[in-house]
Protein backbone atom coordinates (compact mmCIF):
# COMPACT_ATOMS: atom_id res chain seq x y z
CA MET A 1 -20.46 -26.64 195.83
CA LYS A 2 -18.11 -23.88 196.46
CA ARG A 3 -18.21 -20.97 193.94
CA THR A 4 -14.99 -19.63 192.45
CA PRO A 5 -14.45 -15.94 193.28
CA ARG A 6 -14.58 -13.69 190.27
CA ILE A 7 -13.86 -9.89 190.11
CA GLU A 8 -17.10 -9.02 188.33
CA ARG A 9 -19.22 -10.93 190.94
CA ASP A 10 -17.57 -9.61 194.11
CA THR A 11 -16.73 -6.04 193.20
CA PRO A 12 -18.04 -3.22 190.95
CA ILE A 13 -14.78 -3.36 188.96
CA LEU A 14 -15.17 -4.51 185.31
CA PRO A 15 -11.84 -6.06 184.35
CA HIS A 16 -12.65 -6.31 180.60
CA VAL A 17 -13.03 -2.43 180.48
CA ILE A 18 -9.70 -2.05 182.26
CA ALA A 19 -7.99 -4.61 180.04
CA GLU A 20 -9.19 -3.07 176.86
CA SER A 21 -8.28 0.33 177.96
CA ILE A 22 -4.73 -0.66 178.84
CA ARG A 23 -4.41 -2.40 175.47
CA GLU A 24 -5.72 0.58 173.68
CA GLU A 25 -3.39 2.93 175.67
CA ALA A 26 -0.39 0.99 174.73
CA SER A 27 -1.47 0.61 171.09
CA VAL A 28 -1.92 4.30 170.64
CA TRP A 29 1.33 5.18 172.46
CA LEU A 30 3.23 2.75 170.26
CA GLY A 31 1.33 3.69 167.07
CA GLN A 32 0.68 -0.02 166.40
CA PRO A 33 -2.32 -2.31 167.32
CA LEU A 34 -1.84 -5.02 169.85
CA PRO A 35 -3.70 -8.29 169.68
CA ARG A 36 -7.20 -8.36 171.04
CA ARG A 37 -6.71 -11.92 172.44
CA TRP A 38 -4.45 -10.27 174.95
CA VAL A 39 -7.51 -8.58 176.58
CA ARG A 40 -8.87 -12.11 177.26
CA GLU A 41 -5.53 -13.20 178.64
CA LEU A 42 -5.39 -10.22 181.05
CA ILE A 43 -8.91 -10.90 182.26
CA ALA A 44 -8.14 -14.63 182.74
CA ARG A 45 -5.14 -13.73 184.59
CA ALA A 46 -6.70 -11.31 186.85
CA ASN A 47 -9.59 -13.67 187.76
CA THR A 48 -7.09 -16.44 188.38
CA VAL A 49 -4.97 -14.36 190.73
CA TYR A 50 -8.18 -13.01 192.33
CA ALA A 51 -9.42 -16.53 192.97
CA HIS A 52 -6.15 -17.88 194.47
CA ASN A 53 -4.53 -15.03 196.21
CA PRO A 54 -6.31 -13.55 199.28
CA ARG A 55 -4.07 -10.48 199.52
CA PHE A 56 -4.90 -9.54 195.87
CA ARG A 57 -8.69 -10.06 196.69
CA ARG A 58 -8.47 -7.87 199.66
CA ASN A 59 -6.67 -5.12 197.66
CA LEU A 60 -9.29 -5.23 194.97
CA ARG A 61 -12.00 -4.98 197.50
CA ALA A 62 -10.59 -1.82 199.12
CA ALA A 63 -12.67 1.13 199.65
CA GLY A 64 -13.03 3.92 197.00
CA ASP A 65 -10.98 3.81 193.82
CA ARG A 66 -7.97 1.82 195.37
CA GLY A 67 -9.15 -1.49 194.16
CA ARG A 68 -9.74 -0.29 190.68
CA ASP A 69 -6.41 1.48 190.60
CA HIS A 70 -4.75 -1.64 192.03
CA LEU A 71 -6.02 -3.75 189.11
CA TRP A 72 -4.89 -1.03 186.56
CA VAL A 73 -1.32 -1.35 187.93
CA PHE A 74 -1.18 -5.10 187.75
CA MET A 75 -2.80 -5.24 184.24
CA ARG A 76 -0.27 -2.78 183.01
CA HIS A 77 2.46 -5.02 184.43
CA TRP A 78 0.94 -8.19 182.90
CA LEU A 79 0.64 -6.50 179.53
CA ALA A 80 4.28 -5.52 179.60
CA ARG A 81 5.13 -9.19 180.34
CA LEU A 82 3.02 -10.36 177.32
CA MET A 83 4.83 -7.77 175.23
CA TRP A 84 8.23 -8.89 176.60
CA GLU A 85 7.42 -12.61 175.76
CA ARG A 86 5.68 -12.26 172.44
CA ARG A 87 6.66 -8.75 170.91
CA PRO A 88 10.04 -7.95 172.35
CA GLN A 89 10.63 -5.25 169.63
CA LEU A 90 7.54 -3.41 170.99
CA TYR A 91 8.51 -4.05 174.55
CA ALA A 92 11.87 -2.32 173.84
CA ARG A 93 10.06 0.78 172.78
CA MET A 94 7.94 1.10 175.92
CA PRO A 95 9.27 3.09 178.94
CA ALA A 96 10.67 1.05 181.76
CA SER A 97 8.14 2.57 184.15
CA HIS A 98 5.28 0.90 182.40
CA THR A 99 6.74 -2.53 183.46
CA ASN A 100 6.08 -1.40 187.07
CA GLY A 101 2.49 -0.47 186.35
CA HIS A 102 2.88 3.24 185.82
CA PRO A 103 0.77 4.94 183.15
CA LEU A 104 2.43 5.88 179.94
CA PRO A 105 3.83 9.41 179.64
CA ALA A 106 2.17 11.70 177.21
CA LYS A 107 3.70 11.76 173.74
CA PRO A 108 3.92 15.18 172.04
CA ALA A 109 1.50 15.18 169.00
CA VAL A 110 3.95 17.40 167.10
CA GLY A 111 7.62 18.01 167.64
CA PRO A 112 8.71 21.61 168.49
CA ARG A 113 10.62 21.99 165.15
CA ARG A 114 7.55 21.01 163.15
CA LEU A 115 5.07 23.32 164.91
CA LYS A 116 3.83 25.90 162.50
CA VAL A 117 2.54 29.31 163.66
CA ALA A 118 1.39 31.69 160.98
CA GLY A 119 3.77 30.01 158.56
CA GLN A 120 6.77 30.09 160.76
CA THR A 121 8.53 27.27 162.67
CA ALA A 122 9.12 27.51 166.38
CA PRO A 123 12.54 28.21 167.60
CA PRO A 124 14.43 25.17 168.80
CA ALA A 125 14.26 24.69 172.64
CA ARG A 126 17.29 26.01 174.42
CA ARG A 127 19.48 23.48 176.13
CA TYR A 128 20.13 24.06 179.90
CA ARG A 129 23.77 24.21 180.87
CA PRO A 130 24.68 24.17 184.53
CA PRO A 131 26.89 27.04 185.69
CA THR A 132 30.61 26.35 185.94
CA ARG A 133 32.49 26.61 189.08
CA ASN A 134 33.83 30.15 188.48
CA SER A 135 30.60 31.79 187.04
CA ALA A 136 30.90 35.54 187.11
CA TRP A 137 27.10 35.90 187.52
CA ALA A 138 27.17 33.67 190.71
CA ALA A 139 29.73 36.05 192.30
CA ALA A 140 27.79 39.16 191.20
CA ALA A 141 24.54 37.76 192.58
CA HIS A 142 26.29 36.76 195.80
CA PHE A 143 25.47 33.04 195.22
CA HIS A 144 28.13 30.55 196.36
CA VAL A 145 29.06 27.97 193.84
CA ALA A 146 30.75 24.96 195.23
């Protein structure tokens, strides 16, 4: 009898750890818990694709951390799909790069106007304004502005 390939048996990768980490990462970023059953669905999807797709199997068996990183990318993509299908309001709050498997960007813990230092608020950040065509400083500094 032929045995079905499974990620845990064939590689040192633990899909349940990756799936739980990705769910937790998205939950923290959104500030709202995501269903735990999605972890089971992500693991099942990973093992199904692993069993039926030789290229995916080859990528997960790659040397070093490449196989693990490959699974992280795909699980982020699959989680985005679950959110799109079942929780579109949460999916809309996620950055578009997460759908492509990129990690979530860091969220500032406190906004710059709320930051308190010795009882004072931080000054608002200055907005960058590109130079105009006839900027005097460019002429004085011998920079050509096109």
